[in-house]
């Protein structure tokens, strides 16, 4: 479903999806966040971004910024 709020200027930029989970326990116990991450990527596609312009960042799942890896 498209939105009149998303303009061609928006679509000319990349869409970035990032949901922060900083501990392994959060990753295990909060599976809905992983589903939301995928749903947000799908929503960006539905709003008009091309799949190649949607970045889903999840490389740091379970890594805390409070302590080095």
N, C-alpha and C. Protein backbone atom coordinates (compact mmCIF):
# COMPACT_ATOMS: atom_id res chain seq x y z
N UNK A 1 0.84 -1.18 0.00
CA UNK A 1 0.00 0.00 0.00
C UNK A 1 0.89 1.24 0.00
N UNK A 2 0.76 2.05 -0.99
CA UNK A 2 1.53 3.29 -1.13
C UNK A 2 0.96 4.35 -0.18
N UNK A 3 1.77 5.38 0.04
CA UNK A 3 1.35 6.49 0.89
C UNK A 3 1.66 7.79 0.19
N UNK A 4 0.75 8.73 0.27
CA UNK A 4 1.01 10.05 -0.32
C UNK A 4 2.10 10.81 0.43
N UNK A 5 2.47 10.33 1.60
CA UNK A 5 3.53 10.96 2.38
C UNK A 5 4.92 10.61 1.87
N UNK A 6 5.03 9.52 1.12
CA UNK A 6 6.32 9.10 0.57
C UNK A 6 6.44 9.69 -0.83
N UNK A 7 7.42 10.58 -0.99
CA UNK A 7 7.61 11.26 -2.27
C UNK A 7 8.74 10.62 -3.06
N UNK A 8 8.90 11.07 -4.30
CA UNK A 8 10.00 10.57 -5.12
C UNK A 8 11.34 10.94 -4.50
N UNK A 9 11.40 12.04 -3.77
CA UNK A 9 12.64 12.42 -3.07
C UNK A 9 12.99 11.38 -2.01
N UNK A 10 11.99 10.86 -1.32
CA UNK A 10 12.24 9.79 -0.34
C UNK A 10 12.74 8.54 -1.04
N UNK A 11 12.07 8.18 -2.12
CA UNK A 11 12.40 6.94 -2.82
C UNK A 11 13.76 7.00 -3.50
N UNK A 12 14.29 8.18 -3.69
CA UNK A 12 15.62 8.33 -4.28
C UNK A 12 16.71 7.99 -3.27
N UNK A 13 16.34 7.92 -2.00
CA UNK A 13 17.29 7.58 -0.94
C UNK A 13 17.10 6.11 -0.57
N UNK A 14 18.03 5.59 0.21
CA UNK A 14 17.95 4.20 0.68
C UNK A 14 17.01 4.13 1.88
N UNK A 15 16.33 3.01 2.03
CA UNK A 15 15.53 2.73 3.22
C UNK A 15 16.37 1.83 4.11
N UNK A 16 16.48 2.17 5.39
CA UNK A 16 17.30 1.39 6.32
C UNK A 16 16.42 0.92 7.47
N UNK A 17 16.44 -0.39 7.70
CA UNK A 17 15.68 -1.00 8.80
C UNK A 17 16.69 -1.47 9.83
N UNK A 18 16.53 -1.00 11.07
CA UNK A 18 17.45 -1.38 12.14
C UNK A 18 16.67 -1.50 13.44
N UNK A 19 16.69 -2.68 14.03
CA UNK A 19 16.07 -2.91 15.34
C UNK A 19 17.15 -3.42 16.26
N UNK A 20 17.37 -2.72 17.35
CA UNK A 20 18.48 -3.01 18.25
C UNK A 20 18.10 -4.03 19.31
N UNK A 21 18.90 -5.08 19.40
CA UNK A 21 18.82 -6.06 20.49
C UNK A 21 20.25 -6.27 20.95
N UNK A 22 20.55 -5.88 22.18
CA UNK A 22 21.95 -5.83 22.59
C UNK A 22 22.44 -7.03 23.39
N UNK A 23 21.57 -7.95 23.73
CA UNK A 23 22.04 -9.12 24.47
C UNK A 23 21.55 -10.39 23.78
N UNK A 24 22.29 -11.48 23.91
CA UNK A 24 21.83 -12.75 23.34
C UNK A 24 20.45 -13.15 23.88
N UNK A 25 20.19 -12.84 25.15
CA UNK A 25 18.88 -13.18 25.74
C UNK A 25 17.76 -12.43 25.03
N UNK A 26 17.99 -11.17 24.67
CA UNK A 26 16.97 -10.42 23.94
C UNK A 26 16.69 -11.06 22.58
N UNK A 27 17.73 -11.50 21.92
CA UNK A 27 17.56 -12.13 20.61
C UNK A 27 16.73 -13.40 20.74
N UNK A 28 17.00 -14.19 21.79
CA UNK A 28 16.28 -15.45 21.99
C UNK A 28 14.86 -15.22 22.48
N UNK A 29 14.71 -14.29 23.43
CA UNK A 29 13.41 -14.10 24.09
C UNK A 29 12.47 -13.14 23.38
N UNK A 30 12.97 -12.36 22.45
CA UNK A 30 12.14 -11.36 21.78
C UNK A 30 12.08 -11.64 20.28
N UNK A 31 11.60 -12.80 19.93
CA UNK A 31 11.53 -13.20 18.52
C UNK A 31 10.65 -12.26 17.70
N UNK A 32 9.70 -11.60 18.35
CA UNK A 32 8.82 -10.70 17.60
C UNK A 32 9.61 -9.55 16.98
N UNK A 33 10.72 -9.16 17.60
CA UNK A 33 11.53 -8.09 17.02
C UNK A 33 12.12 -8.51 15.68
N UNK A 34 12.51 -9.78 15.57
CA UNK A 34 13.03 -10.27 14.29
C UNK A 34 11.93 -10.26 13.23
N UNK A 35 10.73 -10.62 13.62
CA UNK A 35 9.60 -10.58 12.68
C UNK A 35 9.29 -9.15 12.27
N UNK A 36 9.36 -8.23 13.24
CA UNK A 36 9.11 -6.82 12.93
C UNK A 36 10.14 -6.29 11.95
N UNK A 37 11.39 -6.69 12.13
CA UNK A 37 12.46 -6.25 11.24
C UNK A 37 12.11 -6.63 9.80
N UNK A 38 11.70 -7.87 9.59
CA UNK A 38 11.33 -8.33 8.26
C UNK A 38 10.08 -7.62 7.75
N UNK A 39 9.13 -7.38 8.65
CA UNK A 39 7.90 -6.69 8.26
C UNK A 39 8.19 -5.25 7.86
N UNK A 40 9.13 -4.60 8.53
CA UNK A 40 9.48 -3.22 8.17
C UNK A 40 10.16 -3.18 6.80
N UNK A 41 10.96 -4.16 6.50
CA UNK A 41 11.56 -4.26 5.17
C UNK A 41 10.49 -4.44 4.11
N UNK A 42 9.53 -5.29 4.38
CA UNK A 42 8.42 -5.52 3.45
C UNK A 42 7.60 -4.24 3.27
N UNK A 43 7.40 -3.51 4.36
CA UNK A 43 6.63 -2.26 4.28
C UNK A 43 7.35 -1.23 3.42
N UNK A 44 8.65 -1.14 3.54
CA UNK A 44 9.42 -0.21 2.70
C UNK A 44 9.20 -0.57 1.22
N UNK A 45 9.21 -1.85 0.92
CA UNK A 45 8.95 -2.31 -0.45
C UNK A 45 7.55 -1.89 -0.91
N UNK A 46 6.58 -2.10 -0.04
CA UNK A 46 5.20 -1.74 -0.38
C UNK A 46 5.04 -0.24 -0.58
N UNK A 47 5.84 0.56 0.11
CA UNK A 47 5.78 2.01 -0.03
C UNK A 47 6.48 2.51 -1.29
N UNK A 48 7.21 1.62 -1.98
CA UNK A 48 7.78 1.99 -3.25
C UNK A 48 9.28 1.86 -3.39
N UNK A 49 9.99 1.52 -2.31
CA UNK A 49 11.44 1.33 -2.44
C UNK A 49 11.70 0.04 -3.20
N UNK A 50 12.72 0.06 -4.03
CA UNK A 50 13.14 -1.15 -4.73
C UNK A 50 13.88 -2.04 -3.73
N UNK A 51 13.77 -3.36 -3.86
CA UNK A 51 14.47 -4.25 -2.92
C UNK A 51 15.97 -3.96 -2.80
N UNK A 52 16.60 -3.57 -3.90
CA UNK A 52 18.04 -3.28 -3.84
C UNK A 52 18.35 -1.99 -3.08
N UNK A 53 17.33 -1.19 -2.79
CA UNK A 53 17.51 0.05 -2.03
C UNK A 53 17.06 -0.06 -0.58
N UNK A 54 16.76 -1.27 -0.13
CA UNK A 54 16.34 -1.49 1.26
C UNK A 54 17.47 -2.23 1.98
N UNK A 55 18.01 -1.60 3.00
CA UNK A 55 19.06 -2.22 3.81
C UNK A 55 18.48 -2.64 5.15
N UNK A 56 18.64 -3.91 5.48
CA UNK A 56 18.23 -4.42 6.78
C UNK A 56 19.50 -4.73 7.55
N UNK A 57 19.71 -4.00 8.62
CA UNK A 57 20.94 -4.14 9.40
C UNK A 57 20.66 -5.02 10.61
N UNK A 58 21.34 -6.15 10.67
CA UNK A 58 21.18 -7.05 11.82
C UNK A 58 22.49 -7.73 12.20
N UNK A 59 23.61 -7.19 11.71
CA UNK A 59 24.92 -7.81 11.94
C UNK A 59 25.34 -7.76 13.40
N UNK A 60 24.76 -6.84 14.18
CA UNK A 60 25.20 -6.71 15.56
C UNK A 60 24.17 -7.24 16.56
N UNK A 61 23.26 -8.10 16.12
CA UNK A 61 22.28 -8.67 17.05
C UNK A 61 22.99 -9.41 18.18
N UNK A 62 22.61 -9.10 19.39
CA UNK A 62 23.16 -9.78 20.55
C UNK A 62 24.49 -9.25 21.02
N UNK A 63 24.98 -8.18 20.39
CA UNK A 63 26.25 -7.59 20.80
C UNK A 63 25.98 -6.29 21.56
N UNK A 64 26.52 -6.20 22.73
CA UNK A 64 26.31 -5.01 23.55
C UNK A 64 27.36 -3.96 23.25
N UNK A 65 26.95 -2.72 23.23
CA UNK A 65 27.89 -1.61 23.09
C UNK A 65 28.60 -1.31 24.40
N UNK A 66 28.13 -1.92 25.48
CA UNK A 66 28.70 -1.66 26.80
C UNK A 66 30.00 -2.43 27.03
N UNK A 67 30.20 -3.50 26.28
CA UNK A 67 31.42 -4.26 26.45
C UNK A 67 31.95 -4.69 25.09
N UNK A 68 33.26 -4.73 24.93
CA UNK A 68 33.82 -5.13 23.63
C UNK A 68 33.50 -6.59 23.30
N UNK A 69 33.41 -6.91 21.99
CA UNK A 69 33.10 -8.29 21.57
C UNK A 69 34.21 -9.27 21.93
